[in-house]
């Protein structure tokens, strides 16, 4: 769920870039993009990240700052049959994604989250 908003920052993760074209908009676009585009592996340094870190860009997308990227862990969900079910479901049904996200987030809040 968190990958539907925001972006990665090289100083914290070694990766630089958003997951979607609208990183400040909460929707299911992350899942739509994940299943709807062909992802090509590249070095994160080409997009402002750390050299040697792998990231994926959509085939045909420009290699420039601000281009949406996926991490190996994102792309791995497409290859895992148990995770792929959820990725496909959330890509097709934004309402279901919102319901499940709301439920999980509520549990986190009710159970407490330790301070950072």
C-alpha atoms as a PDB file:
ATOM      1  CA  UNK A   1       0.000   0.000   0.000  1.00  0.00           C
ATOM      2  CA  UNK A   2       2.738   2.482   0.840  1.00  0.00           C
ATOM      3  CA  UNK A   3       4.191   2.214  -2.640  1.00  0.00           C
ATOM      4  CA  UNK A   4       1.095   3.875  -4.089  1.00  0.00           C
ATOM      5  CA  UNK A   5       2.230   7.175  -2.615  1.00  0.00           C
ATOM      6  CA  UNK A   6       5.586   8.850  -2.243  1.00  0.00           C
ATOM      7  CA  UNK A   7       8.960   8.051  -3.667  1.00  0.00           C
ATOM      8  CA  UNK A   8      12.317   6.524  -2.826  1.00  0.00           C
ATOM      9  CA  UNK A   9      15.201   8.729  -1.753  1.00  0.00           C
ATOM     10  CA  UNK A  10      18.809   7.809  -2.494  1.00  0.00           C
ATOM     11  CA  UNK A  11      20.111   9.118   0.838  1.00  0.00           C
ATOM     12  CA  UNK A  12      17.840   6.674   2.700  1.00  0.00           C
ATOM     13  CA  UNK A  13      17.572   3.674   0.400  1.00  0.00           C
ATOM     14  CA  UNK A  14      20.091   3.982  -2.416  1.00  0.00           C
ATOM     15  CA  UNK A  15      17.188   4.321  -4.858  1.00  0.00           C
ATOM     16  CA  UNK A  16      15.779   7.525  -6.319  1.00  0.00           C
ATOM     17  CA  UNK A  17      12.346   7.952  -7.874  1.00  0.00           C
ATOM     18  CA  UNK A  18       8.607   7.551  -7.503  1.00  0.00           C
ATOM     19  CA  UNK A  19       6.616   4.360  -7.983  1.00  0.00           C
ATOM     20  CA  UNK A  20       3.936   6.106 -10.065  1.00  0.00           C
ATOM     21  CA  UNK A  21       3.483   9.220 -12.196  1.00  0.00           C
ATOM     22  CA  UNK A  22       1.427  10.809  -9.383  1.00  0.00           C
ATOM     23  CA  UNK A  23       3.329   9.994  -6.177  1.00  0.00           C
ATOM     24  CA  UNK A  24       1.081  12.229  -4.045  1.00  0.00           C
ATOM     25  CA  UNK A  25      -2.171  10.573  -5.175  1.00  0.00           C
ATOM     26  CA  UNK A  26      -3.462   7.559  -3.245  1.00  0.00           C
ATOM     27  CA  UNK A  27      -5.037   5.031  -5.606  1.00  0.00           C
ATOM     28  CA  UNK A  28      -4.325   1.616  -7.114  1.00  0.00           C
ATOM     29  CA  UNK A  29      -2.099   2.913  -9.927  1.00  0.00           C
ATOM     30  CA  UNK A  30       0.948   1.169  -8.449  1.00  0.00           C
ATOM     31  CA  UNK A  31      -0.737  -2.197  -9.002  1.00  0.00           C
ATOM     32  CA  UNK A  32      -2.048  -1.227 -12.447  1.00  0.00           C
ATOM     33  CA  UNK A  33       1.432  -0.188 -13.521  1.00  0.00           C
ATOM     34  CA  UNK A  34       3.049  -3.255 -11.998  1.00  0.00           C
ATOM     35  CA  UNK A  35       0.889  -5.653 -14.032  1.00  0.00           C
ATOM     36  CA  UNK A  36       0.291  -3.463 -17.071  1.00  0.00           C
ATOM     37  CA  UNK A  37       3.839  -2.565 -18.035  1.00  0.00           C
ATOM     38  CA  UNK A  38       6.880  -4.559 -19.021  1.00  0.00           C
ATOM     39  CA  UNK A  39       9.683  -3.824 -16.550  1.00  0.00           C
ATOM     40  CA  UNK A  40      13.324  -3.638 -17.618  1.00  0.00           C
ATOM     41  CA  UNK A  41      16.179  -3.919 -15.132  1.00  0.00           C
ATOM     42  CA  UNK A  42      18.660  -1.043 -14.964  1.00  0.00           C
ATOM     43  CA  UNK A  43      21.243   0.320 -12.557  1.00  0.00           C
ATOM     44  CA  UNK A  44      19.855   2.762  -9.989  1.00  0.00           C
ATOM     45  CA  UNK A  45      22.773   5.133 -10.644  1.00  0.00           C
ATOM     46  CA  UNK A  46      21.219   5.999 -14.017  1.00  0.00           C
ATOM     47  CA  UNK A  47      18.335   7.603 -12.111  1.00  0.00           C
ATOM     48  CA  UNK A  48      20.213   9.199  -9.220  1.00  0.00           C
ATOM     49  CA  UNK A  49      20.446   6.155  -6.960  1.00  0.00           C
ATOM     50  CA  UNK A  50      23.453   4.212  -5.757  1.00  0.00           C
ATOM     51  CA  UNK A  51      25.611   2.411  -8.320  1.00  0.00           C
ATOM     52  CA  UNK A  52      25.059  -1.343  -8.230  1.00  0.00           C
ATOM     53  CA  UNK A  53      21.477  -1.191  -6.943  1.00  0.00           C
ATOM     54  CA  UNK A  54      18.983  -2.708  -9.344  1.00  0.00           C
ATOM     55  CA  UNK A  55      15.758  -0.931 -10.272  1.00  0.00           C
ATOM     56  CA  UNK A  56      13.219  -1.513 -13.003  1.00  0.00           C
ATOM     57  CA  UNK A  57      11.811   1.021 -15.450  1.00  0.00           C
ATOM     58  CA  UNK A  58       8.910   0.498 -17.813  1.00  0.00           C
ATOM     59  CA  UNK A  59      10.070  -0.559 -21.254  1.00  0.00           C
ATOM     60  CA  UNK A  60      10.279   2.511 -23.483  1.00  0.00           C
ATOM     61  CA  UNK A  61      10.318   4.984 -20.576  1.00  0.00           C
ATOM     62  CA  UNK A  62      13.024   7.643 -20.562  1.00  0.00           C
ATOM     63  CA  UNK A  63      15.913   7.090 -18.201  1.00  0.00           C
ATOM     64  CA  UNK A  64      15.712  10.393 -16.337  1.00  0.00           C
ATOM     65  CA  UNK A  65      15.020  11.809 -12.913  1.00  0.00           C
ATOM     66  CA  UNK A  66      11.378  11.421 -11.912  1.00  0.00           C
ATOM     67  CA  UNK A  67      10.715   8.364 -14.060  1.00  0.00           C
ATOM     68  CA  UNK A  68       8.600   5.851 -12.114  1.00  0.00           C
ATOM     69  CA  UNK A  69      10.589   2.822 -11.021  1.00  0.00           C
ATOM     70  CA  UNK A  70      10.017  -0.493  -9.328  1.00  0.00           C
ATOM     71  CA  UNK A  71      12.347  -2.342  -6.988  1.00  0.00           C
ATOM     72  CA  UNK A  72      13.280  -6.002  -7.389  1.00  0.00           C
ATOM     73  CA  UNK A  73      10.896  -6.765  -4.507  1.00  0.00           C
ATOM     74  CA  UNK A  74       8.022  -5.123  -6.408  1.00  0.00           C
ATOM     75  CA  UNK A  75       8.694  -7.083  -9.605  1.00  0.00           C
ATOM     76  CA  UNK A  76       9.148 -10.291  -7.574  1.00  0.00           C
ATOM     77  CA  UNK A  77       5.467 -10.135  -6.593  1.00  0.00           C
ATOM     78  CA  UNK A  78       4.612 -10.814 -10.238  1.00  0.00           C
ATOM     79  CA  UNK A  79       6.554 -14.065 -10.118  1.00  0.00           C
ATOM     80  CA  UNK A  80       5.203 -15.293  -6.763  1.00  0.00           C
ATOM     81  CA  UNK A  81       1.889 -17.077  -7.366  1.00  0.00           C
ATOM     82  CA  UNK A  82       0.542 -16.252  -3.907  1.00  0.00           C
ATOM     83  CA  UNK A  83       1.359 -12.546  -4.182  1.00  0.00           C
ATOM     84  CA  UNK A  84       0.338 -12.290  -7.836  1.00  0.00           C
ATOM     85  CA  UNK A  85      -3.275 -13.024  -6.854  1.00  0.00           C
ATOM     86  CA  UNK A  86      -3.312  -9.886  -4.675  1.00  0.00           C
ATOM     87  CA  UNK A  87      -1.482  -7.722  -7.207  1.00  0.00           C
ATOM     88  CA  UNK A  88      -3.974  -8.667  -9.931  1.00  0.00           C
ATOM     89  CA  UNK A  89      -6.943  -8.178  -7.598  1.00  0.00           C
ATOM     90  CA  UNK A  90      -5.828  -4.719  -6.467  1.00  0.00           C
ATOM     91  CA  UNK A  91      -4.988  -3.668 -10.031  1.00  0.00           C
ATOM     92  CA  UNK A  92      -8.529  -4.570 -11.112  1.00  0.00           C
ATOM     93  CA  UNK A  93     -10.458  -3.410  -8.043  1.00  0.00           C
ATOM     94  CA  UNK A  94      -9.495  -0.114  -6.410  1.00  0.00           C
ATOM     95  CA  UNK A  95     -12.376  -0.350  -3.928  1.00  0.00           C
ATOM     96  CA  UNK A  96     -11.104  -3.702  -2.644  1.00  0.00           C
ATOM     97  CA  UNK A  97      -7.588  -2.285  -2.335  1.00  0.00           C
ATOM     98  CA  UNK A  98      -8.929   0.675  -0.325  1.00  0.00           C
ATOM     99  CA  UNK A  99     -10.937  -1.656   1.947  1.00  0.00           C
ATOM    100  CA  UNK A 100      -8.005  -3.966   2.633  1.00  0.00           C
ATOM    101  CA  UNK A 101      -5.580  -1.084   3.097  1.00  0.00           C
ATOM    102  CA  UNK A 102      -7.966   0.638   5.506  1.00  0.00           C
ATOM    103  CA  UNK A 103      -8.374  -2.526   7.536  1.00  0.00           C
ATOM    104  CA  UNK A 104      -4.625  -3.161   7.774  1.00  0.00           C
ATOM    105  CA  UNK A 105      -3.815   0.475   8.566  1.00  0.00           C
ATOM    106  CA  UNK A 106      -6.495   0.573  11.256  1.00  0.00           C
ATOM    107  CA  UNK A 107      -4.979  -2.521  12.892  1.00  0.00           C
ATOM    108  CA  UNK A 108      -1.548  -0.892  12.890  1.00  0.00           C
ATOM    109  CA  UNK A 109      -2.944   2.209  14.552  1.00  0.00           C
ATOM    110  CA  UNK A 110      -4.978   0.290  17.121  1.00  0.00           C
ATOM    111  CA  UNK A 111      -2.084  -1.993  18.058  1.00  0.00           C
ATOM    112  CA  UNK A 112       0.309   0.903  18.255  1.00  0.00           C
ATOM    113  CA  UNK A 113       3.370   1.661  16.227  1.00  0.00           C
ATOM    114  CA  UNK A 114       6.660   2.160  18.077  1.00  0.00           C
ATOM    115  CA  UNK A 115       8.289   5.573  17.708  1.00  0.00           C
ATOM    116  CA  UNK A 116      10.930   5.852  15.027  1.00  0.00           C
END
